[in-house]
Amino acid sequence: MAVESGAERGSEPSALPDLFVAAIALVRDRRVLMVTAREREVHYMPGGKIDDGETAAEAAAREAREEVSLELDPAELEELFEVVTQAHGEPEGRMVRMRVFLTRTDASPKASAEVGALHWVTTAELDRCPPAGAEVLRRLAADGLID
């Protein structure tokens, strides 16, 4: 597992607690699956908050089921990296720590009630993403997984 941080070293600690989340990276044809929430325009990685007593892989699998109707085994998810950056829509200084897991499945994702639409994206859509999602796209491209 490669754990990397986008947070600046030497900055003062924030009084706001970090948000701990997990997400899946489902890659097909050099594109990664992203979603838009209902009534929103921003592209997000399928994922969400890690609940108490839940591992990051369990959270990623649960969120995949809840958001894109994919049944994934947490033991089969491959942790790629952690993105640490300013949390989208949160007060300045509130950081998100997103652990990203590569998943492999032939199942077809389907948007759940909380998801407005599914999108297969490349780095060409960086401007449609919040900071964490944009960083995920850059890292997936650097790893040769997406264009």
Protein backbone atom coordinates (compact mmCIF):
# COMPACT_ATOMS: atom_id res chain seq x y z
CA MET A 1 0.00 0.00 0.00
CA ALA A 2 1.36 3.42 -0.92
CA VAL A 3 0.14 6.10 1.46
CA GLU A 4 0.75 9.60 0.22
CA SER A 5 -0.35 12.96 1.49
CA GLY A 6 -1.38 16.07 -0.39
CA ALA A 7 -1.32 18.11 2.83
CA GLU A 8 1.45 20.64 3.20
CA ARG A 9 4.14 19.79 5.71
CA GLY A 10 4.79 22.35 8.41
CA SER A 11 1.32 23.90 8.35
CA GLU A 12 -0.41 24.53 11.66
CA PRO A 13 -2.82 21.83 12.79
CA SER A 14 -6.45 22.59 12.12
CA ALA A 15 -9.00 22.86 14.91
CA LEU A 16 -11.47 21.07 12.64
CA PRO A 17 -11.40 17.24 12.69
CA ASP A 18 -10.43 15.47 9.49
CA LEU A 19 -13.07 13.60 7.49
CA PHE A 20 -12.12 9.93 7.01
CA VAL A 21 -13.56 8.44 3.83
CA ALA A 22 -13.00 5.49 1.52
CA ALA A 23 -13.71 5.24 -2.20
CA ILE A 24 -13.47 2.76 -5.04
CA ALA A 25 -11.66 3.23 -8.32
CA LEU A 26 -13.39 1.09 -10.95
CA VAL A 27 -11.30 1.46 -14.11
CA ARG A 28 -12.42 0.37 -17.56
CA ASP A 29 -11.02 1.35 -20.95
CA ARG A 30 -8.61 3.86 -19.32
CA ARG A 31 -11.50 5.70 -17.63
CA VAL A 32 -12.62 5.64 -14.00
CA LEU A 33 -16.17 5.57 -12.68
CA MET A 34 -17.34 8.74 -10.95
CA VAL A 35 -20.78 9.90 -9.85
CA THR A 36 -22.74 13.09 -9.42
CA ALA A 37 -25.07 13.41 -6.46
CA ARG A 38 -28.65 14.47 -7.18
CA GLU A 39 -28.94 18.22 -7.82
CA ARG A 40 -25.14 18.61 -8.00
CA GLU A 41 -22.76 19.09 -10.91
CA VAL A 42 -19.48 17.96 -9.31
CA HIS A 43 -18.02 14.52 -10.09
CA TYR A 44 -17.17 12.41 -7.02
CA MET A 45 -15.52 9.04 -6.52
CA PRO A 46 -18.07 6.44 -5.36
CA GLY A 47 -17.42 6.35 -1.64
CA GLY A 48 -18.11 7.96 1.68
CA LYS A 49 -17.51 8.16 5.40
CA ILE A 50 -15.84 5.31 7.27
CA ASP A 51 -18.23 4.33 10.08
CA ASP A 52 -17.09 3.45 13.60
CA GLY A 53 -15.94 -0.17 13.78
CA GLU A 54 -15.59 -0.40 9.99
CA THR A 55 -12.34 -0.82 8.08
CA ALA A 56 -11.65 1.45 5.13
CA ALA A 57 -12.10 -1.49 2.74
CA GLU A 58 -15.44 -2.38 4.34
CA ALA A 59 -16.56 1.24 4.00
CA ALA A 60 -15.52 1.33 0.33
CA ALA A 61 -17.45 -1.89 -0.39
CA ARG A 62 -20.53 -0.65 1.51
CA GLU A 63 -20.51 2.69 -0.28
CA ALA A 64 -20.11 0.95 -3.66
CA ARG A 65 -23.22 -1.08 -2.88
CA GLU A 66 -25.18 1.97 -1.66
CA GLU A 67 -24.17 4.34 -4.47
CA VAL A 68 -23.57 2.23 -7.58
CA SER A 69 -25.16 -1.14 -6.75
CA LEU A 70 -21.92 -3.13 -6.87
CA GLU A 71 -21.40 -6.08 -4.51
CA LEU A 72 -17.69 -6.10 -3.69
CA ASP A 73 -15.67 -8.22 -1.29
CA PRO A 74 -13.58 -5.91 0.94
CA ALA A 75 -10.82 -8.55 1.00
CA GLU A 76 -10.47 -8.28 -2.79
CA LEU A 77 -10.08 -4.50 -2.88
CA GLU A 78 -6.53 -3.28 -3.53
CA GLU A 79 -5.62 -0.12 -1.63
CA LEU A 80 -3.87 2.28 -4.00
CA PHE A 81 -3.19 5.42 -1.96
CA GLU A 82 -4.58 8.00 0.41
CA VAL A 83 -5.39 11.54 -0.69
CA VAL A 84 -5.29 14.26 1.96
CA THR A 85 -6.63 17.66 0.89
CA GLN A 86 -9.09 20.43 1.70
CA ALA A 87 -12.59 18.94 2.02
CA HIS A 88 -14.99 20.19 -0.67
CA GLY A 89 -17.84 22.33 0.68
CA GLU A 90 -16.30 22.44 4.17
CA PRO A 91 -14.73 25.35 6.09
CA GLU A 92 -11.14 26.21 5.20
CA GLY A 93 -8.78 23.92 7.08
CA ARG A 94 -11.12 20.91 7.22
CA MET A 95 -9.25 18.13 5.53
CA VAL A 96 -10.53 14.97 3.91
CA ARG A 97 -8.47 11.77 4.11
CA MET A 98 -9.68 9.56 1.26
CA ARG A 99 -8.35 6.01 1.00
CA VAL A 100 -8.80 4.80 -2.58
CA PHE A 101 -9.24 1.12 -3.46
CA LEU A 102 -8.89 -0.39 -6.93
CA THR A 103 -11.71 -2.79 -7.70
CA ARG A 104 -12.13 -5.29 -10.49
CA THR A 105 -15.59 -6.46 -11.45
CA ASP A 106 -17.47 -7.18 -14.65
CA ALA A 107 -20.75 -6.17 -13.01
CA SER A 108 -22.51 -3.11 -14.40
CA PRO A 109 -22.73 -0.21 -11.97
CA LYS A 110 -26.15 1.38 -11.59
CA ALA A 111 -26.97 4.73 -10.01
CA SER A 112 -28.77 4.44 -6.67
CA ALA A 113 -31.41 6.84 -5.34
CA GLU A 114 -28.69 9.08 -3.87
CA VAL A 115 -26.74 9.28 -7.14
CA GLY A 116 -27.90 11.46 -10.02
CA ALA A 117 -25.69 9.98 -12.75
CA LEU A 118 -22.68 7.79 -13.48
CA HIS A 119 -19.71 9.06 -15.50
CA TRP A 120 -16.65 7.33 -16.98
CA VAL A 121 -13.96 10.00 -16.82
CA THR A 122 -10.33 10.81 -17.58
CA THR A 123 -8.11 13.67 -16.52
CA ALA A 124 -9.94 15.77 -19.13
CA GLU A 125 -12.67 16.18 -16.48
CA LEU A 126 -10.38 17.50 -13.71
CA ASP A 127 -12.28 20.79 -13.66
CA ARG A 128 -15.53 18.93 -12.82
CA CYS A 129 -14.04 17.42 -9.63
CA PRO A 130 -13.55 18.65 -6.08
CA PRO A 131 -9.91 18.72 -4.86
CA ALA A 132 -9.82 15.08 -3.65
CA GLY A 133 -11.37 13.73 -6.85
CA ALA A 134 -9.02 15.76 -9.02
CA GLU A 135 -6.03 14.43 -7.07
CA VAL A 136 -7.31 10.85 -7.51
CA LEU A 137 -7.54 11.39 -11.29
CA ARG A 138 -3.98 12.78 -11.40
CA ARG A 139 -2.63 9.81 -9.42
CA LEU A 140 -4.51 7.22 -11.47
CA ALA A 141 -3.08 8.82 -14.63
CA ALA A 142 0.43 8.87 -13.13
CA ASP A 143 0.03 5.16 -12.37
CA GLY A 144 -0.92 4.55 -16.03
CA LEU A 145 -4.47 3.43 -15.23
CA ILE A 146 -6.42 6.23 -16.94
CA ASP A 147 -5.78 8.86 -19.61
